[in-house]
Amino acid sequence: MTERYLFILFDDESTWVDATQAEWDAMMAAHDRFSRAIKAAGAIDHGGEALQPTTTATTVRTGPEPVVTDGPFVETKEAFGGYYVIECDGLDAALALAKQAPSQVVEVRPILDVGT
């Protein structure tokens, strides 16, 4: 039985502030190779997306009086920059794939099956 995992990609955004077109193209080629590695491993890539920089983010904190603020205000050099949804044969397979992801940090989270 296969399971689905969310690969949350964290990178230093400053890397891309002044990236040349060649550097951008090289990163996109690395993601393309990663997508091919997923398929070659017999896993399924359910897609993913890259995100705009954290400077474009807005955070909503819920509660009795919801508060809306600019930015995520994350205390880290690495920022959540994109994700993949992968279906594979368990955590060991997911971790093996995550080690190949073109990202500085990859958080691997099992997706909860809520029976839909």
PDB file of N, CA and C in Angstrom:
ATOM      1  N   MET A   1       0.836  -1.182   0.000  1.00  0.00           N
ATOM      2  CA  MET A   1       0.000   0.000   0.000  1.00  0.00           C
ATOM      3  C   MET A   1       0.883   1.249   0.000  1.00  0.00           C
ATOM      4  N   THR A   2       0.547   2.182  -0.846  1.00  0.00           N
ATOM      5  CA  THR A   2       1.326   3.419  -0.906  1.00  0.00           C
ATOM      6  C   THR A   2       0.756   4.464   0.048  1.00  0.00           C
ATOM      7  N   GLU A   3       1.600   5.411   0.394  1.00  0.00           N
ATOM      8  CA  GLU A   3       1.213   6.513   1.260  1.00  0.00           C
ATOM      9  C   GLU A   3       1.618   7.821   0.587  1.00  0.00           C
ATOM     10  N   ARG A   4       0.921   8.891   0.944  1.00  0.00           N
ATOM     11  CA  ARG A   4       1.258  10.206   0.396  1.00  0.00           C
ATOM     12  C   ARG A   4       2.017  11.020   1.444  1.00  0.00           C
ATOM     13  N   TYR A   5       2.990  11.783   0.958  1.00  0.00           N
ATOM     14  CA  TYR A   5       3.826  12.621   1.807  1.00  0.00           C
ATOM     15  C   TYR A   5       3.925  14.014   1.202  1.00  0.00           C
ATOM     16  N   LEU A   6       3.987  15.001   2.090  1.00  0.00           N
ATOM     17  CA  LEU A   6       4.250  16.363   1.685  1.00  0.00           C
ATOM     18  C   LEU A   6       5.724  16.636   1.920  1.00  0.00           C
ATOM     19  N   PHE A   7       6.419  17.039   0.893  1.00  0.00           N
ATOM     20  CA  PHE A   7       7.812  17.455   1.011  1.00  0.00           C
ATOM     21  C   PHE A   7       7.793  18.976   1.046  1.00  0.00           C
ATOM     22  N   ILE A   8       8.129  19.553   2.194  1.00  0.00           N
ATOM     23  CA  ILE A   8       8.142  21.002   2.350  1.00  0.00           C
ATOM     24  C   ILE A   8       9.585  21.463   2.175  1.00  0.00           C
ATOM     25  N   LEU A   9       9.816  22.309   1.195  1.00  0.00           N
ATOM     26  CA  LEU A   9      11.163  22.737   0.840  1.00  0.00           C
ATOM     27  C   LEU A   9      11.508  24.059   1.523  1.00  0.00           C
ATOM     28  N   PHE A  10      12.643  24.086   2.203  1.00  0.00           N
ATOM     29  CA  PHE A  10      13.125  25.293   2.868  1.00  0.00           C
ATOM     30  C   PHE A  10      14.490  25.658   2.289  1.00  0.00           C
ATOM     31  N   ASP A  11      14.638  26.914   1.914  1.00  0.00           N
ATOM     32  CA  ASP A  11      15.904  27.395   1.366  1.00  0.00           C
ATOM     33  C   ASP A  11      16.162  28.818   1.841  1.00  0.00           C
ATOM     34  N   ASP A  12      17.396  29.259   1.679  1.00  0.00           N
ATOM     35  CA  ASP A  12      17.764  30.627   1.980  1.00  0.00           C
ATOM     36  C   ASP A  12      17.328  31.484   0.797  1.00  0.00           C
ATOM     37  N   GLU A  13      16.331  32.336   1.011  1.00  0.00           N
ATOM     38  CA  GLU A  13      15.791  33.149  -0.075  1.00  0.00           C
ATOM     39  C   GLU A  13      16.812  34.111  -0.670  1.00  0.00           C
ATOM     40  N   SER A  14      17.815  34.494   0.105  1.00  0.00           N
ATOM     41  CA  SER A  14      18.792  35.458  -0.406  1.00  0.00           C
ATOM     42  C   SER A  14      19.545  34.899  -1.613  1.00  0.00           C
ATOM     43  N   THR A  15      19.559  33.579  -1.739  1.00  0.00           N
ATOM     44  CA  THR A  15      20.213  32.939  -2.885  1.00  0.00           C
ATOM     45  C   THR A  15      19.602  33.413  -4.201  1.00  0.00           C
ATOM     46  N   TRP A  16      18.309  33.718  -4.182  1.00  0.00           N
ATOM     47  CA  TRP A  16      17.603  34.016  -5.422  1.00  0.00           C
ATOM     48  C   TRP A  16      17.366  35.498  -5.677  1.00  0.00           C
ATOM     49  N   VAL A  17      17.763  36.353  -4.722  1.00  0.00           N
ATOM     50  CA  VAL A  17      17.520  37.785  -4.873  1.00  0.00           C
ATOM     51  C   VAL A  17      18.173  38.330  -6.139  1.00  0.00           C
ATOM     52  N   ASP A  18      19.426  38.000  -6.353  1.00  0.00           N
ATOM     53  CA  ASP A  18      20.158  38.496  -7.521  1.00  0.00           C
ATOM     54  C   ASP A  18      20.566  37.366  -8.461  1.00  0.00           C
ATOM     55  N   ALA A  19      19.785  36.304  -8.487  1.00  0.00           N
ATOM     56  CA  ALA A  19      20.125  35.149  -9.332  1.00  0.00           C
ATOM     57  C   ALA A  19      20.101  35.541 -10.808  1.00  0.00           C
ATOM     58  N   THR A  20      21.070  35.030 -11.523  1.00  0.00           N
ATOM     59  CA  THR A  20      21.096  35.236 -12.967  1.00  0.00           C
ATOM     60  C   THR A  20      20.109  34.277 -13.622  1.00  0.00           C
ATOM     61  N   GLN A  21      19.809  34.516 -14.873  1.00  0.00           N
ATOM     62  CA  GLN A  21      18.932  33.605 -15.603  1.00  0.00           C
ATOM     63  C   GLN A  21      19.544  32.208 -15.659  1.00  0.00           C
ATOM     64  N   ALA A  22      20.860  32.141 -15.801  1.00  0.00           N
ATOM     65  CA  ALA A  22      21.533  30.834 -15.843  1.00  0.00           C
ATOM     66  C   ALA A  22      21.385  30.092 -14.508  1.00  0.00           C
ATOM     67  N   GLU A  23      21.494  30.819 -13.391  1.00  0.00           N
ATOM     68  CA  GLU A  23      21.321  30.190 -12.078  1.00  0.00           C
ATOM     69  C   GLU A  23      19.881  29.712 -11.894  1.00  0.00           C
ATOM     70  N   TRP A  24      18.932  30.524 -12.314  1.00  0.00           N
ATOM     71  CA  TRP A  24      17.518  30.142 -12.228  1.00  0.00           C
ATOM     72  C   TRP A  24      17.262  28.896 -13.079  1.00  0.00           C
ATOM     73  N   ASP A  25      17.777  28.904 -14.301  1.00  0.00           N
ATOM     74  CA  ASP A  25      17.600  27.759 -15.202  1.00  0.00           C
ATOM     75  C   ASP A  25      18.218  26.486 -14.615  1.00  0.00           C
ATOM     76  N   ALA A  26      19.371  26.623 -13.955  1.00  0.00           N
ATOM     77  CA  ALA A  26      20.021  25.463 -13.343  1.00  0.00           C
ATOM     78  C   ALA A  26      19.155  24.894 -12.217  1.00  0.00           C
ATOM     79  N   MET A  27      18.528  25.758 -11.418  1.00  0.00           N
ATOM     80  CA  MET A  27      17.654  25.277 -10.341  1.00  0.00           C
ATOM     81  C   MET A  27      16.422  24.597 -10.919  1.00  0.00           C
ATOM     82  N   MET A  28      15.839  25.155 -11.954  1.00  0.00           N
ATOM     83  CA  MET A  28      14.667  24.533 -12.571  1.00  0.00           C
ATOM     84  C   MET A  28      15.040  23.172 -13.176  1.00  0.00           C
ATOM     85  N   ALA A  29      16.242  23.074 -13.741  1.00  0.00           N
ATOM     86  CA  ALA A  29      16.712  21.791 -14.276  1.00  0.00           C
ATOM     87  C   ALA A  29      16.894  20.780 -13.141  1.00  0.00           C
ATOM     88  N   ALA A  30      17.361  21.243 -11.980  1.00  0.00           N
ATOM     89  CA  ALA A  30      17.516  20.347 -10.825  1.00  0.00           C
ATOM     90  C   ALA A  30      16.153  19.820 -10.374  1.00  0.00           C
ATOM     91  N   HIS A  31      15.138  20.672 -10.371  1.00  0.00           N
ATOM     92  CA  HIS A  31      13.793  20.217 -10.002  1.00  0.00           C
ATOM     93  C   HIS A  31      13.235  19.247 -11.049  1.00  0.00           C
ATOM     94  N   ASP A  32      13.544  19.479 -12.294  1.00  0.00           N
ATOM     95  CA  ASP A  32      13.117  18.559 -13.344  1.00  0.00           C
ATOM     96  C   ASP A  32      13.776  17.185 -13.154  1.00  0.00           C
ATOM     97  N   ARG A  33      15.064  17.176 -12.827  1.00  0.00           N
ATOM     98  CA  ARG A  33      15.763  15.903 -12.559  1.00  0.00           C
ATOM     99  C   ARG A  33      15.150  15.207 -11.350  1.00  0.00           C
ATOM    100  N   PHE A  34      14.788  15.984 -10.324  1.00  0.00           N
ATOM    101  CA  PHE A  34      14.164  15.405  -9.140  1.00  0.00           C
ATOM    102  C   PHE A  34      12.824  14.772  -9.501  1.00  0.00           C
ATOM    103  N   SER A  35      12.029  15.426 -10.310  1.00  0.00           N
ATOM    104  CA  SER A  35      10.745  14.857 -10.744  1.00  0.00           C
ATOM    105  C   SER A  35      10.952  13.548 -11.507  1.00  0.00           C
ATOM    106  N   ARG A  36      11.985  13.494 -12.330  1.00  0.00           N
ATOM    107  CA  ARG A  36      12.292  12.255 -13.048  1.00  0.00           C
ATOM    108  C   ARG A  36      12.759  11.164 -12.078  1.00  0.00           C
ATOM    109  N   ALA A  37      13.513  11.542 -11.032  1.00  0.00           N
ATOM    110  CA  ALA A  37      13.976  10.570 -10.029  1.00  0.00           C
ATOM    111  C   ALA A  37      12.794   9.985  -9.264  1.00  0.00           C
ATOM    112  N   ILE A  38      11.792  10.796  -9.001  1.00  0.00           N
ATOM    113  CA  ILE A  38      10.581  10.315  -8.324  1.00  0.00           C
ATOM    114  C   ILE A  38       9.934   9.223  -9.164  1.00  0.00           C
ATOM    115  N   LYS A  39       9.755   9.509 -10.437  1.00  0.00           N
ATOM    116  CA  LYS A  39       9.126   8.543 -11.351  1.00  0.00           C
ATOM    117  C   LYS A  39       9.989   7.283 -11.482  1.00  0.00           C
ATOM    118  N   ALA A  40      11.307   7.465 -11.596  1.00  0.00           N
ATOM    119  CA  ALA A  40      12.218   6.317 -11.739  1.00  0.00           C
ATOM    120  C   ALA A  40      12.186   5.421 -10.504  1.00  0.00           C
ATOM    121  N   ALA A  41      11.865   5.997  -9.343  1.00  0.00           N
ATOM    122  CA  ALA A  41      11.789   5.223  -8.098  1.00  0.00           C
ATOM    123  C   ALA A  41      10.451   4.496  -7.971  1.00  0.00           C
ATOM    124  N   GLY A  42       9.569   4.681  -8.940  1.00  0.00           N
ATOM    125  CA  GLY A  42       8.264   4.029  -8.889  1.00  0.00           C
ATOM    126  C   GLY A  42       7.251   4.779  -8.045  1.00  0.00           C
ATOM    127  N   ALA A  43       7.592   5.994  -7.653  1.00  0.00           N
ATOM    128  CA  ALA A  43       6.680   6.819  -6.860  1.00  0.00           C
ATOM    129  C   ALA A  43       5.864   7.710  -7.798  1.00  0.00           C
ATOM    130  N   ILE A  44       4.874   8.365  -7.239  1.00  0.00           N
ATOM    131  CA  ILE A  44       4.014   9.255  -8.017  1.00  0.00           C
ATOM    132  C   ILE A  44       4.199  10.681  -7.523  1.00  0.00           C
ATOM    133  N   ASP A  45       4.441  11.578  -8.456  1.00  0.00           N
ATOM    134  CA  ASP A  45       4.552  13.008  -8.150  1.00  0.00           C
ATOM    135  C   ASP A  45       3.178  13.623  -8.404  1.00  0.00           C
ATOM    136  N   HIS A  46       2.492  13.993  -7.322  1.00  0.00           N
ATOM    137  CA  HIS A  46       1.157  14.589  -7.450  1.00  0.00           C
ATOM    138  C   HIS A  46       1.249  16.091  -7.662  1.00  0.00           C
ATOM    139  N   GLY A  47       2.431  16.581  -7.890  1.00  0.00           N
ATOM    140  CA  GLY A  47       2.609  17.995  -8.184  1.00  0.00           C
ATOM    141  C   GLY A  47       3.155  18.769  -7.009  1.00  0.00           C
ATOM    142  N   GLY A  48       3.369  20.012  -7.248  1.00  0.00           N
ATOM    143  CA  GLY A  48       3.902  20.915  -6.247  1.00  0.00           C
ATOM    144  C   GLY A  48       3.983  22.293  -6.853  1.00  0.00           C
ATOM    145  N   GLU A  49       4.430  23.212  -6.080  1.00  0.00           N
ATOM    146  CA  GLU A  49       4.537  24.591  -6.542  1.00  0.00           C
ATOM    147  C   GLU A  49       5.688  25.280  -5.841  1.00  0.00           C
ATOM    148  N   ALA A  50       6.230  26.288  -6.497  1.00  0.00           N
ATOM    149  CA  ALA A  50       7.176  27.200  -5.872  1.00  0.00           C
ATOM    150  C   ALA A  50       6.364  28.371  -5.334  1.00  0.00           C
ATOM    151  N   LEU A  51       6.842  28.973  -4.269  1.00  0.00           N
ATOM    152  CA  LEU A  51       6.130  30.083  -3.654  1.00  0.00           C
ATOM    153  C   LEU A  51       6.879  31.396  -3.867  1.00  0.00           C
ATOM    154  N   GLN A  52       6.143  32.483  -3.866  1.00  0.00           N
ATOM    155  CA  GLN A  52       6.752  33.810  -3.912  1.00  0.00           C
ATOM    156  C   GLN A  52       7.546  34.004  -2.617  1.00  0.00           C
ATOM    157  N   PRO A  53       8.468  34.962  -2.574  1.00  0.00           N
ATOM    158  CA  PRO A  53       9.276  35.194  -1.365  1.00  0.00           C
ATOM    159  C   PRO A  53       8.419  35.523  -0.146  1.00  0.00           C
ATOM    160  N   THR A  54       8.985  35.317   1.033  1.00  0.00           N
ATOM    161  CA  THR A  54       8.258  35.587   2.270  1.00  0.00           C
ATOM    162  C   THR A  54       7.869  37.062   2.397  1.00  0.00           C
ATOM    163  N   THR A  55       8.560  37.934   1.688  1.00  0.00           N
ATOM    164  CA  THR A  55       8.208  39.355   1.743  1.00  0.00           C
ATOM    165  C   THR A  55       6.825  39.618   1.157  1.00  0.00           C
ATOM    166  N   THR A  56       6.277  38.674   0.418  1.00  0.00           N
ATOM    167  CA  THR A  56       4.938  38.833  -0.158  1.00  0.00           C
ATOM    168  C   THR A  56       3.854  38.200   0.715  1.00  0.00           C
ATOM    169  N   ALA A  57       4.266  37.550   1.813  1.00  0.00           N
ATOM    170  CA  ALA A  57       3.324  36.801   2.646  1.00  0.00           C
ATOM    171  C   ALA A  57       2.515  37.706   3.565  1.00  0.00           C
ATOM    172  N   THR A  58       1.343  37.236   3.911  1.00  0.00           N
ATOM    173  CA  THR A  58       0.501  37.850   4.920  1.00  0.00           C
ATOM    174  C   THR A  58       0.083  36.748   5.875  1.00  0.00           C
ATOM    175  N   THR A  59       0.140  37.016   7.177  1.00  0.00           N
ATOM    176  CA  THR A  59      -0.207  36.028   8.185  1.00  0.00           C
ATOM    177  C   THR A  59      -1.485  36.440   8.893  1.00  0.00           C
ATOM    178  N   VAL A  60      -2.400  35.501   9.047  1.00  0.00           N
ATOM    179  CA  VAL A  60      -3.627  35.725   9.804  1.00  0.00           C
ATOM    180  C   VAL A  60      -3.556  34.849  11.047  1.00  0.00           C
ATOM    181  N   ARG A  61      -3.608  35.469  12.210  1.00  0.00           N
ATOM    182  CA  ARG A  61      -3.627  34.738  13.483  1.00  0.00           C
ATOM    183  C   ARG A  61      -5.063  34.804  13.998  1.00  0.00           C
ATOM    184  N   THR A  62      -5.686  33.635  14.090  1.00  0.00           N
ATOM    185  CA  THR A  62      -7.088  33.594  14.488  1.00  0.00           C
ATOM    186  C   THR A  62      -7.226  33.663  15.996  1.00  0.00           C
ATOM    187  N   GLY A  63      -8.399  33.890  16.431  1.00  0.00           N
ATOM    188  CA  GLY A  63      -8.689  33.991  17.859  1.00  0.00           C
ATOM    189  C   GLY A  63      -9.914  34.865  18.036  1.00  0.00           C
ATOM    190  N   PRO A  64     -10.170  35.290  19.251  1.00  0.00           N
ATOM    191  CA  PRO A  64     -11.333  36.148  19.481  1.00  0.00           C
ATOM    192  C   PRO A  64     -11.286  37.403  18.601  1.00  0.00           C
ATOM    193  N   GLU A  65     -10.072  37.937  18.422  1.00  0.00           N
ATOM    194  CA  GLU A  65      -9.868  39.096  17.550  1.00  0.00           C
ATOM    195  C   GLU A  65      -8.770  38.740  16.552  1.00  0.00           C
ATOM    196  N   PRO A  66      -9.122  38.233  15.346  1.00  0.00           N
ATOM    197  CA  PRO A  66      -8.091  37.867  14.378  1.00  0.00           C
ATOM    198  C   PRO A  66      -7.170  39.056  14.061  1.00  0.00           C
ATOM    199  N   VAL A  67      -5.887  38.746  13.888  1.00  0.00           N
ATOM    200  CA  VAL A  67      -4.888  39.760  13.587  1.00  0.00           C
ATOM    201  C   VAL A  67      -4.245  39.413  12.252  1.00  0.00           C
ATOM    202  N   VAL A  68      -4.162  40.406  11.371  1.00  0.00           N
ATOM    203  CA  VAL A  68      -3.528  40.235  10.060  1.00  0.00           C
ATOM    204  C   VAL A  68      -2.252  41.067  10.047  1.00  0.00           C
ATOM    205  N   THR A  69      -1.118  40.415   9.708  1.00  0.00           N
ATOM    206  CA  THR A  69       0.163  41.116   9.658  1.00  0.00           C
ATOM    207  C   THR A  69       0.884  40.777   8.365  1.00  0.00           C
ATOM    208  N   ASP A  70       1.772  41.665   7.950  1.00  0.00           N
ATOM    209  CA  ASP A  70       2.609  41.388   6.786  1.00  0.00           C
ATOM    210  C   ASP A  70       3.645  40.354   7.161  1.00  0.00           C
ATOM    211  N   GLY A  71       3.952  39.467   6.221  1.00  0.00           N
ATOM    212  CA  GLY A  71       5.043  38.524   6.390  1.00  0.00           C
ATOM    213  C   GLY A  71       4.790  37.420   7.389  1.00  0.00           C
ATOM    214  N   PRO A  72       5.593  36.369   7.287  1.00  0.00           N
ATOM    215  CA  PRO A  72       5.468  35.242   8.205  1.00  0.00           C
ATOM    216  C   PRO A  72       6.261  35.433   9.490  1.00  0.00           C
ATOM    217  N   PHE A  73       7.234  36.342   9.501  1.00  0.00           N
ATOM    218  CA  PHE A  73       8.081  36.582  10.670  1.00  0.00           C
ATOM    219  C   PHE A  73       8.677  35.299  11.221  1.00  0.00           C
ATOM    220  N   VAL A  74       9.233  34.507  10.356  1.00  0.00           N
ATOM    221  CA  VAL A  74       9.883  33.263  10.745  1.00  0.00           C
ATOM    222  C   VAL A  74      11.301  33.588  11.196  1.00  0.00           C
ATOM    223  N   GLU A  75      11.711  33.050  12.338  1.00  0.00           N
ATOM    224  CA  GLU A  75      13.040  33.297  12.876  1.00  0.00           C
ATOM    225  C   GLU A  75      14.013  32.238  12.358  1.00  0.00           C
ATOM    226  N   THR A  76      14.261  32.247  11.077  1.00  0.00           N
ATOM    227  CA  THR A  76      15.161  31.273  10.484  1.00  0.00           C
ATOM    228  C   THR A  76      15.706  31.820   9.179  1.00  0.00           C
ATOM    229  N   LYS A  77      16.864  31.344   8.768  1.00  0.00           N
ATOM    230  CA  LYS A  77      17.416  31.761   7.487  1.00  0.00           C
ATOM    231  C   LYS A  77      16.712  31.040   6.345  1.00  0.00           C
ATOM    232  N   GLU A  78      16.243  29.825   6.627  1.00  0.00           N
ATOM    233  CA  GLU A  78      15.549  29.081   5.589  1.00  0.00           C
ATOM    234  C   GLU A  78      14.066  29.426   5.636  1.00  0.00           C
ATOM    235  N   ALA A  79      13.476  29.598   4.457  1.00  0.00           N
ATOM    236  CA  ALA A  79      12.055  29.931   4.362  1.00  0.00           C
ATOM    237  C   ALA A  79      11.347  28.863   3.538  1.00  0.00           C
ATOM    238  N   PHE A  80      10.087  28.650   3.860  1.00  0.00           N
ATOM    239  CA  PHE A  80       9.240  27.712   3.114  1.00  0.00           C
ATOM    240  C   PHE A  80       9.087  28.268   1.702  1.00  0.00           C
ATOM    241  N   GLY A  81       9.678  27.573   0.747  1.00  0.00           N
ATOM    242  CA  GLY A  81       9.712  28.095  -0.612  1.00  0.00           C
ATOM    243  C   GLY A  81       8.933  27.303  -1.630  1.00  0.00           C
ATOM    244  N   GLY A  82       8.481  26.111  -1.271  1.00  0.00           N
ATOM    245  CA  GLY A  82       7.728  25.295  -2.214  1.00  0.00           C
ATOM    246  C   GLY A  82       7.475  23.926  -1.635  1.00  0.00           C
ATOM    247  N   TYR A  83       6.803  23.104  -2.409  1.00  0.00           N
ATOM    248  CA  TYR A  83       6.446  21.781  -1.904  1.00  0.00           C
ATOM    249  C   TYR A  83       6.215  20.805  -3.045  1.00  0.00           C
ATOM    250  N   TYR A  84       6.259  19.534  -2.705  1.00  0.00           N
ATOM    251  CA  TYR A  84       5.869  18.425  -3.575  1.00  0.00           C
ATOM    252  C   TYR A  84       4.917  17.547  -2.783  1.00  0.00           C
ATOM    253  N   VAL A  85       3.968  16.922  -3.462  1.00  0.00           N
ATOM    254  CA  VAL A  85       3.142  15.873  -2.869  1.00  0.00           C
ATOM    255  C   VAL A  85       3.541  14.587  -3.581  1.00  0.00           C
ATOM    256  N   ILE A  86       4.074  13.648  -2.810  1.00  0.00           N
ATOM    257  CA  ILE A  86       4.643  12.416  -3.351  1.00  0.00           C
ATOM    258  C   ILE A  86       3.871  11.221  -2.803  1.00  0.00           C
ATOM    259  N   GLU A  87       3.591  10.255  -3.653  1.00  0.00           N
ATOM    260  CA  GLU A  87       2.996   8.988  -3.220  1.00  0.00           C
ATOM    261  C   GLU A  87       4.019   7.893  -3.446  1.00  0.00           C
ATOM    262  N   CYS A  88       4.343   7.164  -2.381  1.00  0.00           N
ATOM    263  CA  CYS A  88       5.369   6.125  -2.489  1.00  0.00           C
ATOM    264  C   CYS A  88       5.113   5.034  -1.455  1.00  0.00           C
ATOM    265  N   ASP A  89       5.987   4.054  -1.425  1.00  0.00           N
ATOM    266  CA  ASP A  89       5.828   2.879  -0.572  1.00  0.00           C
ATOM    267  C   ASP A  89       6.387   3.082   0.833  1.00  0.00           C
ATOM    268  N   GLY A  90       5.903   4.059   1.555  1.00  0.00           N
ATOM    269  CA  GLY A  90       6.268   4.227   2.954  1.00  0.00           C
ATOM    270  C   GLY A  90       7.340   5.263   3.212  1.00  0.00           C
ATOM    271  N   LEU A  91       7.587   5.466   4.506  1.00  0.00           N
ATOM    272  CA  LEU A  91       8.493   6.510   4.951  1.00  0.00           C
ATOM    273  C   LEU A  91       9.919   6.310   4.458  1.00  0.00           C
ATOM    274  N   ASP A  92      10.417   5.090   4.454  1.00  0.00           N
ATOM    275  CA  ASP A  92      11.791   4.858   3.989  1.00  0.00           C
ATOM    276  C   ASP A  92      11.954   5.310   2.544  1.00  0.00           C
ATOM    277  N   ALA A  93      10.982   4.993   1.709  1.00  0.00           N
ATOM    278  CA  ALA A  93      11.033   5.418   0.303  1.00  0.00           C
ATOM    279  C   ALA A  93      10.934   6.941   0.204  1.00  0.00           C
ATOM    280  N   ALA A  94      10.084   7.542   1.024  1.00  0.00           N
ATOM    281  CA  ALA A  94       9.935   9.002   1.018  1.00  0.00           C
ATOM    282  C   ALA A  94      11.246   9.677   1.424  1.00  0.00           C
ATOM    283  N   LEU A  95      11.890   9.160   2.456  1.00  0.00           N
ATOM    284  CA  LEU A  95      13.138   9.753   2.916  1.00  0.00           C
ATOM    285  C   LEU A  95      14.247   9.596   1.886  1.00  0.00           C
ATOM    286  N   ALA A  96      14.275   8.469   1.205  1.00  0.00           N
ATOM    287  CA  ALA A  96      15.270   8.270   0.146  1.00  0.00           C
ATOM    288  C   ALA A  96      15.077   9.292  -0.962  1.00  0.00           C
ATOM    289  N   LEU A  97      13.835   9.577  -1.298  1.00  0.00           N
ATOM    290  CA  LEU A  97      13.560  10.597  -2.315  1.00  0.00           C
ATOM    291  C   LEU A  97      13.889  11.997  -1.808  1.00  0.00           C
ATOM    292  N   ALA A  98      13.546  12.292  -0.562  1.00  0.00           N
ATOM    293  CA  ALA A  98      13.802  13.617  -0.006  1.00  0.00           C
ATOM    294  C   ALA A  98      15.292  13.951  -0.034  1.00  0.00           C
ATOM    295  N   LYS A  99      16.138  12.945   0.126  1.00  0.00           N
ATOM    296  CA  LYS A  99      17.586  13.161   0.089  1.00  0.00           C
ATOM    297  C   LYS A  99      18.055  13.617  -1.291  1.00  0.00           C
ATOM    298  N   GLN A 100      17.227  13.409  -2.319  1.00  0.00           N
ATOM    299  CA  GLN A 100      17.573  13.803  -3.677  1.00  0.00           C
ATOM    300  C   GLN A 100      16.970  15.156  -4.073  1.00  0.00           C
ATOM    301  N   ALA A 101      16.136  15.714  -3.219  1.00  0.00           N
ATOM    302  CA  ALA A 101      15.452  16.974  -3.544  1.00  0.00           C
ATOM    303  C   ALA A 101      16.451  18.122  -3.632  1.00  0.00           C
ATOM    304  N   PRO A 102      16.264  19.003  -4.603  1.00  0.00           N
ATOM    305  CA  PRO A 102      17.173  20.140  -4.758  1.00  0.00           C
ATOM    306  C   PRO A 102      16.790  21.276  -3.809  1.00  0.00           C
ATOM    307  N   SER A 103      17.005  21.056  -2.534  1.00  0.00           N
ATOM    308  CA  SER A 103      16.652  22.045  -1.525  1.00  0.00           C
ATOM    309  C   SER A 103      17.579  21.866  -0.329  1.00  0.00           C
ATOM    310  N   GLN A 104      17.824  22.944   0.413  1.00  0.00           N
ATOM    311  CA  GLN A 104      18.714  22.881   1.564  1.00  0.00           C
ATOM    312  C   GLN A 104      18.119  22.042   2.692  1.00  0.00           C
ATOM    313  N   VAL A 105      16.803  22.147   2.891  1.00  0.00           N
ATOM    314  CA  VAL A 105      16.110  21.421   3.950  1.00  0.00           C
ATOM    315  C   VAL A 105      14.790  20.915   3.385  1.00  0.00           C
ATOM    316  N   VAL A 106      14.477  19.649   3.645  1.00  0.00           N
ATOM    317  CA  VAL A 106      13.205  19.077   3.213  1.00  0.00           C
ATOM    318  C   VAL A 106      12.527  18.457   4.427  1.00  0.00           C
ATOM    319  N   GLU A 107      11.382  19.000   4.785  1.00  0.00           N
ATOM    320  CA  GLU A 107      10.571  18.404   5.846  1.00  0.00           C
ATOM    321  C   GLU A 107       9.617  17.424   5.187  1.00  0.00           C
ATOM    322  N   VAL A 108       9.600  16.197   5.664  1.00  0.00           N
ATOM    323  CA  VAL A 108       8.739  15.139   5.103  1.00  0.00           C
ATOM    324  C   VAL A 108       7.616  14.893   6.095  1.00  0.00           C
ATOM    325  N   ARG A 109       6.384  15.113   5.628  1.00  0.00           N
ATOM    326  CA  ARG A 109       5.215  14.930   6.516  1.00  0.00           C
ATOM    327  C   ARG A 109       4.230  13.975   5.865  1.00  0.00           C
ATOM    328  N   PRO A 110       3.814  12.916   6.565  1.00  0.00           N
ATOM    329  CA  PRO A 110       2.775  12.042   6.031  1.00  0.00           C
ATOM    330  C   PRO A 110       1.468  12.841   5.922  1.00  0.00           C
ATOM    331  N   ILE A 111       0.746  12.570   4.854  1.00  0.00           N
ATOM    332  CA  ILE A 111      -0.554  13.223   4.658  1.00  0.00           C
ATOM    333  C   ILE A 111      -1.624  12.353   5.318  1.00  0.00           C
ATOM    334  N   LEU A 112      -2.426  12.948   6.145  1.00  0.00           N
ATOM    335  CA  LEU A 112      -3.486  12.250   6.856  1.00  0.00           C
ATOM    336  C   LEU A 112      -4.614  11.909   5.890  1.00  0.00           C
ATOM    337  N   ASP A 113      -4.949  10.639   5.808  1.00  0.00           N
ATOM    338  CA  ASP A 113      -6.070  10.197   4.980  1.00  0.00           C
ATOM    339  C   ASP A 113      -7.350  10.364   5.799  1.00  0.00           C
ATOM    340  N   VAL A 114      -8.182  11.319   5.400  1.00  0.00           N
ATOM    341  CA  VAL A 114      -9.413  11.577   6.137  1.00  0.00           C
ATOM    342  C   VAL A 114     -10.603  10.889   5.500  1.00  0.00           C
ATOM    343  N   GLY A 115     -10.328   9.947   4.598  1.00  0.00           N
ATOM    344  CA  GLY A 115     -11.390   9.118   4.023  1.00  0.00           C
ATOM    345  C   GLY A 115     -12.240   9.782   2.971  1.00  0.00           C
ATOM    346  N   THR A 116     -11.687  10.770   2.276  1.00  0.00           N
ATOM    347  CA  THR A 116     -12.476  11.400   1.211  1.00  0.00           C
ATOM    348  C   THR A 116     -12.332  10.679  -0.092  1.00  0.00           C
TER     349      THR A 116
END
